[in-house]
């Protein structure tokens, strides 16, 4: 931002502290009311047609976007189910290992057999 602009717009004041990168559709419409040259009006008409075309393209891809969202939801659900499965398997393995240890606790080891 230039120094002159900083003097006009103090930092404590709300709003944008930098120049905009793009115009909105409404901004283009307002600009066309300010500019009175023939060429500026023609350029603004072309820009407005581009905005309309962009909206048409985005709206035509809505079914595809909905399918992608459904797939993402399924994958998320599968992630949750896989986590539950792995947690259950870990519990089963630890329980089986615990039972194994309990079975072998009563069996004398070589060290205890040699000391007898």
N, C-alpha and C. Protein backbone atom coordinates (compact mmCIF):
# COMPACT_ATOMS: atom_id res chain seq x y z
N UNK A 1 0.85 -1.16 0.00
CA UNK A 1 0.00 0.00 0.00
C UNK A 1 0.91 1.23 0.00
N UNK A 2 0.52 2.24 -0.73
CA UNK A 2 1.35 3.43 -0.82
C UNK A 2 1.24 4.26 0.46
N UNK A 3 2.24 5.15 0.67
CA UNK A 3 2.24 5.98 1.87
C UNK A 3 1.08 6.95 1.88
N UNK A 4 0.73 7.47 0.70
CA UNK A 4 -0.39 8.40 0.61
C UNK A 4 -1.69 7.71 1.01
N UNK A 5 -1.88 6.49 0.60
CA UNK A 5 -3.09 5.75 0.93
C UNK A 5 -3.12 5.42 2.42
N UNK A 6 -1.97 5.14 3.01
CA UNK A 6 -1.91 4.86 4.45
C UNK A 6 -2.33 6.07 5.27
N UNK A 7 -1.97 7.27 4.79
CA UNK A 7 -2.36 8.48 5.50
C UNK A 7 -3.86 8.70 5.45
N UNK A 8 -4.46 8.31 4.33
CA UNK A 8 -5.90 8.51 4.18
C UNK A 8 -6.68 7.49 5.00
N UNK A 9 -6.22 6.24 5.00
CA UNK A 9 -6.92 5.16 5.70
C UNK A 9 -6.06 4.72 6.88
N UNK A 10 -6.37 5.19 8.09
CA UNK A 10 -5.57 4.77 9.25
C UNK A 10 -5.78 3.29 9.54
N UNK A 11 -4.77 2.67 10.15
CA UNK A 11 -4.84 1.23 10.43
C UNK A 11 -5.90 0.88 11.45
N UNK A 12 -6.26 1.79 12.31
CA UNK A 12 -7.26 1.49 13.33
C UNK A 12 -8.67 1.42 12.75
N UNK A 13 -8.85 1.98 11.56
CA UNK A 13 -10.16 1.95 10.93
C UNK A 13 -10.42 0.56 10.36
N UNK A 14 -11.66 0.09 10.44
CA UNK A 14 -12.00 -1.23 9.94
C UNK A 14 -11.95 -1.30 8.43
N UNK A 15 -12.13 -2.48 7.91
CA UNK A 15 -12.16 -2.65 6.47
C UNK A 15 -10.87 -3.23 5.93
N UNK A 16 -10.78 -3.27 4.63
CA UNK A 16 -9.64 -3.88 3.95
C UNK A 16 -8.41 -2.99 4.07
N UNK A 17 -7.27 -3.57 4.37
CA UNK A 17 -6.02 -2.85 4.50
C UNK A 17 -5.16 -2.99 3.25
N UNK A 18 -5.70 -3.59 2.20
CA UNK A 18 -4.96 -3.81 0.97
C UNK A 18 -5.91 -3.65 -0.21
N UNK A 19 -5.36 -3.45 -1.38
CA UNK A 19 -6.18 -3.29 -2.58
C UNK A 19 -6.74 -4.65 -2.99
N UNK A 20 -7.97 -4.68 -3.53
CA UNK A 20 -8.57 -5.97 -3.90
C UNK A 20 -7.85 -6.60 -5.09
N UNK A 21 -7.85 -7.93 -5.13
CA UNK A 21 -7.26 -8.67 -6.24
C UNK A 21 -8.26 -8.87 -7.37
N UNK A 22 -9.56 -8.95 -7.04
CA UNK A 22 -10.59 -9.22 -8.03
C UNK A 22 -11.81 -8.35 -7.74
N UNK A 23 -12.67 -8.26 -8.73
CA UNK A 23 -13.95 -7.59 -8.56
C UNK A 23 -15.05 -8.63 -8.51
N UNK A 24 -16.09 -8.33 -7.76
CA UNK A 24 -17.25 -9.21 -7.77
C UNK A 24 -18.16 -8.79 -8.91
N UNK A 25 -19.17 -9.59 -9.14
CA UNK A 25 -20.14 -9.27 -10.19
C UNK A 25 -20.82 -7.93 -9.90
N UNK A 26 -21.13 -7.70 -8.62
CA UNK A 26 -21.76 -6.44 -8.25
C UNK A 26 -20.80 -5.27 -8.44
N UNK A 27 -19.52 -5.50 -8.17
CA UNK A 27 -18.52 -4.45 -8.36
C UNK A 27 -18.40 -4.05 -9.82
N UNK A 28 -18.48 -5.02 -10.71
CA UNK A 28 -18.43 -4.73 -12.15
C UNK A 28 -19.66 -3.91 -12.56
N UNK A 29 -20.83 -4.27 -12.03
CA UNK A 29 -22.05 -3.53 -12.35
C UNK A 29 -21.93 -2.08 -11.86
N UNK A 30 -21.39 -1.88 -10.67
CA UNK A 30 -21.21 -0.52 -10.16
C UNK A 30 -20.19 0.25 -11.00
N UNK A 31 -19.16 -0.42 -11.42
CA UNK A 31 -18.14 0.22 -12.24
C UNK A 31 -18.73 0.69 -13.57
N UNK A 32 -19.62 -0.10 -14.14
CA UNK A 32 -20.21 0.29 -15.43
C UNK A 32 -21.10 1.51 -15.28
N UNK A 33 -21.66 1.76 -14.08
CA UNK A 33 -22.47 2.96 -13.90
C UNK A 33 -21.59 4.20 -13.77
N UNK A 34 -20.35 4.02 -13.32
CA UNK A 34 -19.44 5.15 -13.15
C UNK A 34 -18.76 5.51 -14.47
N UNK A 35 -18.32 4.49 -15.21
CA UNK A 35 -17.61 4.74 -16.46
C UNK A 35 -18.62 4.99 -17.58
N UNK A 36 -18.39 6.05 -18.35
CA UNK A 36 -19.35 6.41 -19.38
C UNK A 36 -18.84 6.19 -20.79
N UNK A 37 -17.61 5.70 -20.96
CA UNK A 37 -17.10 5.52 -22.32
C UNK A 37 -17.72 4.29 -22.95
N UNK A 38 -17.82 4.30 -24.25
CA UNK A 38 -18.40 3.19 -25.00
C UNK A 38 -17.60 1.91 -24.79
N UNK A 39 -16.28 2.02 -24.84
CA UNK A 39 -15.42 0.85 -24.69
C UNK A 39 -15.53 0.26 -23.28
N UNK A 40 -15.60 1.10 -22.26
CA UNK A 40 -15.72 0.60 -20.88
C UNK A 40 -17.03 -0.15 -20.70
N UNK A 41 -18.09 0.35 -21.29
CA UNK A 41 -19.39 -0.32 -21.18
C UNK A 41 -19.35 -1.67 -21.88
N UNK A 42 -18.73 -1.74 -23.07
CA UNK A 42 -18.62 -3.01 -23.79
C UNK A 42 -17.79 -4.03 -23.01
N UNK A 43 -16.70 -3.57 -22.41
CA UNK A 43 -15.85 -4.47 -21.62
C UNK A 43 -16.62 -4.99 -20.41
N UNK A 44 -17.38 -4.12 -19.77
CA UNK A 44 -18.17 -4.55 -18.61
C UNK A 44 -19.24 -5.55 -19.01
N UNK A 45 -19.85 -5.39 -20.19
CA UNK A 45 -20.84 -6.35 -20.66
C UNK A 45 -20.19 -7.72 -20.86
N UNK A 46 -19.00 -7.73 -21.46
CA UNK A 46 -18.29 -9.00 -21.67
C UNK A 46 -17.97 -9.65 -20.33
N UNK A 47 -17.51 -8.85 -19.38
CA UNK A 47 -17.17 -9.39 -18.05
C UNK A 47 -18.42 -9.97 -17.38
N UNK A 48 -19.55 -9.28 -17.49
CA UNK A 48 -20.79 -9.78 -16.89
C UNK A 48 -21.20 -11.11 -17.54
N UNK A 49 -21.02 -11.22 -18.86
CA UNK A 49 -21.33 -12.48 -19.55
C UNK A 49 -20.42 -13.60 -19.06
N UNK A 50 -19.18 -13.27 -18.78
CA UNK A 50 -18.25 -14.28 -18.24
C UNK A 50 -18.72 -14.75 -16.87
N UNK A 51 -19.16 -13.82 -16.02
CA UNK A 51 -19.69 -14.21 -14.71
C UNK A 51 -20.88 -15.15 -14.86
N UNK A 52 -21.79 -14.83 -15.79
CA UNK A 52 -22.96 -15.68 -16.02
C UNK A 52 -22.52 -17.06 -16.48
N UNK A 53 -21.56 -17.13 -17.39
CA UNK A 53 -21.07 -18.42 -17.90
C UNK A 53 -20.42 -19.25 -16.79
N UNK A 54 -19.66 -18.58 -15.94
CA UNK A 54 -19.03 -19.29 -14.82
C UNK A 54 -20.10 -19.90 -13.91
N UNK A 55 -21.16 -19.13 -13.64
CA UNK A 55 -22.24 -19.66 -12.81
C UNK A 55 -22.91 -20.86 -13.47
N UNK A 56 -23.10 -20.79 -14.80
CA UNK A 56 -23.71 -21.91 -15.51
C UNK A 56 -22.84 -23.16 -15.42
N UNK A 57 -21.55 -22.99 -15.61
CA UNK A 57 -20.63 -24.14 -15.56
C UNK A 57 -20.64 -24.75 -14.16
N UNK A 58 -20.58 -23.89 -13.13
CA UNK A 58 -20.57 -24.41 -11.76
C UNK A 58 -21.88 -25.13 -11.43
N UNK A 59 -23.00 -24.58 -11.90
CA UNK A 59 -24.27 -25.23 -11.59
C UNK A 59 -24.45 -26.53 -12.37
N UNK A 60 -23.82 -26.66 -13.53
CA UNK A 60 -23.97 -27.90 -14.31
C UNK A 60 -23.18 -29.05 -13.68
N UNK A 61 -22.24 -28.76 -12.82
CA UNK A 61 -21.43 -29.80 -12.20
C UNK A 61 -21.94 -30.18 -10.79
N UNK A 62 -23.10 -29.70 -10.43
CA UNK A 62 -23.65 -30.01 -9.11
C UNK A 62 -23.86 -31.50 -8.89
N UNK A 63 -24.42 -32.25 -9.86
CA UNK A 63 -24.59 -33.70 -9.62
C UNK A 63 -23.25 -34.40 -9.36
N UNK A 64 -22.23 -34.00 -10.09
CA UNK A 64 -20.91 -34.59 -9.89
C UNK A 64 -20.37 -34.25 -8.50
N UNK A 65 -20.55 -33.01 -8.09
CA UNK A 65 -20.10 -32.61 -6.75
C UNK A 65 -20.84 -33.39 -5.66
N UNK A 66 -22.13 -33.62 -5.85
CA UNK A 66 -22.90 -34.38 -4.87
C UNK A 66 -22.40 -35.82 -4.78
N UNK A 67 -22.08 -36.42 -5.93
CA UNK A 67 -21.54 -37.80 -5.92
C UNK A 67 -20.20 -37.85 -5.20
N UNK A 68 -19.36 -36.86 -5.44
CA UNK A 68 -18.07 -36.82 -4.76
C UNK A 68 -18.27 -36.70 -3.25
N UNK A 69 -19.21 -35.86 -2.83
CA UNK A 69 -19.48 -35.70 -1.40
C UNK A 69 -19.97 -37.02 -0.79
N UNK A 70 -20.82 -37.77 -1.53
CA UNK A 70 -21.30 -39.06 -1.02
C UNK A 70 -20.13 -40.04 -0.87
N UNK A 71 -19.24 -40.06 -1.85
CA UNK A 71 -18.08 -40.95 -1.78
C UNK A 71 -17.21 -40.58 -0.59
N UNK A 72 -16.99 -39.29 -0.38
CA UNK A 72 -16.19 -38.84 0.77
C UNK A 72 -16.83 -39.27 2.08
N UNK A 73 -18.16 -39.19 2.16
CA UNK A 73 -18.86 -39.61 3.38
C UNK A 73 -18.69 -41.10 3.61
N UNK A 74 -18.77 -41.90 2.53
CA UNK A 74 -18.58 -43.35 2.67
C UNK A 74 -17.17 -43.68 3.14
N UNK A 75 -16.19 -43.02 2.55
CA UNK A 75 -14.80 -43.26 2.95
C UNK A 75 -14.61 -42.90 4.41
N UNK A 76 -15.19 -41.79 4.82
CA UNK A 76 -15.08 -41.38 6.22
C UNK A 76 -15.73 -42.42 7.13
N UNK A 77 -16.88 -42.93 6.72
CA UNK A 77 -17.57 -43.97 7.51
C UNK A 77 -16.72 -45.24 7.56
N UNK A 78 -16.10 -45.60 6.43
CA UNK A 78 -15.25 -46.79 6.40
C UNK A 78 -14.04 -46.61 7.30
N UNK A 79 -13.48 -45.41 7.33
CA UNK A 79 -12.35 -45.15 8.23
C UNK A 79 -12.75 -45.43 9.68
N UNK A 80 -13.93 -44.96 10.06
CA UNK A 80 -14.41 -45.17 11.43
C UNK A 80 -14.60 -46.66 11.70
N UNK A 81 -15.18 -47.37 10.74
CA UNK A 81 -15.41 -48.80 10.92
C UNK A 81 -14.09 -49.57 11.00
N UNK A 82 -13.11 -49.20 10.20
CA UNK A 82 -11.80 -49.86 10.25
C UNK A 82 -11.12 -49.61 11.59
N UNK A 83 -11.23 -48.40 12.12
CA UNK A 83 -10.64 -48.12 13.43
C UNK A 83 -11.26 -49.01 14.50
N UNK A 84 -12.60 -49.14 14.45
CA UNK A 84 -13.27 -50.02 15.40
C UNK A 84 -12.80 -51.46 15.25
N UNK A 85 -12.65 -51.93 14.02
CA UNK A 85 -12.19 -53.29 13.76
C UNK A 85 -10.79 -53.51 14.33
N UNK A 86 -9.87 -52.58 14.07
CA UNK A 86 -8.51 -52.73 14.58
C UNK A 86 -8.46 -52.67 16.10
N UNK A 87 -9.28 -51.82 16.71
CA UNK A 87 -9.33 -51.77 18.17
C UNK A 87 -9.84 -53.10 18.74
N UNK A 88 -10.85 -53.68 18.11
CA UNK A 88 -11.37 -54.97 18.56
C UNK A 88 -10.32 -56.06 18.41
N UNK A 89 -9.60 -56.06 17.26
CA UNK A 89 -8.54 -57.05 17.06
C UNK A 89 -7.44 -56.90 18.11
N UNK A 90 -7.06 -55.67 18.43
CA UNK A 90 -6.03 -55.45 19.46
C UNK A 90 -6.49 -56.00 20.81
N UNK A 91 -7.76 -55.75 21.13
CA UNK A 91 -8.30 -56.26 22.40
C UNK A 91 -8.29 -57.79 22.41
N UNK A 92 -8.66 -58.41 21.30
CA UNK A 92 -8.68 -59.87 21.22
C UNK A 92 -7.27 -60.44 21.33
N UNK A 93 -6.32 -59.81 20.67
CA UNK A 93 -4.94 -60.30 20.72
C UNK A 93 -4.37 -60.15 22.12
N UNK A 94 -4.63 -59.02 22.76
CA UNK A 94 -4.10 -58.84 24.12
C UNK A 94 -4.76 -59.81 25.10
N UNK A 95 -6.06 -60.09 24.92
CA UNK A 95 -6.74 -61.05 25.79
C UNK A 95 -6.17 -62.45 25.57
N UNK A 96 -5.92 -62.82 24.31
CA UNK A 96 -5.35 -64.14 24.00
C UNK A 96 -3.94 -64.26 24.57
N UNK A 97 -3.16 -63.20 24.47
CA UNK A 97 -1.80 -63.22 25.02
C UNK A 97 -1.84 -63.36 26.53
N UNK A 98 -2.80 -62.69 27.14
CA UNK A 98 -2.94 -62.78 28.60
C UNK A 98 -3.30 -64.20 29.03
N UNK A 99 -4.21 -64.85 28.29
CA UNK A 99 -4.58 -66.23 28.60
C UNK A 99 -3.39 -67.15 28.41
N UNK A 100 -2.58 -66.90 27.37
CA UNK A 100 -1.40 -67.72 27.12
C UNK A 100 -0.43 -67.62 28.30
N UNK A 101 -0.21 -66.42 28.76
CA UNK A 101 0.70 -66.21 29.89
C UNK A 101 0.17 -66.92 31.12
N UNK A 102 -1.15 -66.82 31.36
CA UNK A 102 -1.74 -67.49 32.52
C UNK A 102 -1.59 -69.00 32.44
N UNK A 103 -1.70 -69.58 31.25
CA UNK A 103 -1.54 -71.02 31.08
C UNK A 103 -0.12 -71.46 31.42
N UNK A 104 0.85 -70.68 30.98
CA UNK A 104 2.24 -71.08 31.16
C UNK A 104 2.79 -70.70 32.53
N UNK A 105 2.05 -69.94 33.32
CA UNK A 105 2.55 -69.56 34.64
C UNK A 105 2.64 -70.77 35.56
N UNK A 106 1.77 -71.73 35.39
CA UNK A 106 1.78 -72.90 36.25
C UNK A 106 2.80 -73.95 35.83
N UNK A 107 3.37 -73.85 34.66
CA UNK A 107 4.33 -74.84 34.16
C UNK A 107 5.71 -74.47 34.68
N UNK A 108 6.42 -75.44 35.27
CA UNK A 108 7.76 -75.13 35.77
C UNK A 108 8.72 -74.84 34.62
N UNK A 109 9.60 -73.89 34.84
CA UNK A 109 10.60 -73.54 33.82
C UNK A 109 11.85 -74.38 34.07
N UNK A 110 12.83 -74.30 33.16
CA UNK A 110 14.08 -75.06 33.32
C UNK A 110 14.81 -74.62 34.56
N UNK A 111 14.79 -73.33 34.85
CA UNK A 111 15.51 -72.84 36.02
C UNK A 111 14.91 -73.39 37.30
N UNK A 112 13.59 -73.44 37.38
CA UNK A 112 12.97 -73.95 38.60
C UNK A 112 13.11 -75.46 38.69
N UNK A 113 13.20 -76.19 37.56
CA UNK A 113 13.37 -77.64 37.57
C UNK A 113 14.79 -77.99 37.99
N UNK A 114 15.79 -77.20 37.62
CA UNK A 114 17.18 -77.48 37.99
C UNK A 114 17.43 -77.24 39.47
N UNK A 115 16.71 -76.29 40.03
CA UNK A 115 16.91 -75.98 41.44
C UNK A 115 16.31 -77.04 42.35
N UNK A 116 15.45 -77.89 41.84
CA UNK A 116 14.81 -78.94 42.64
C UNK A 116 15.70 -80.09 42.87
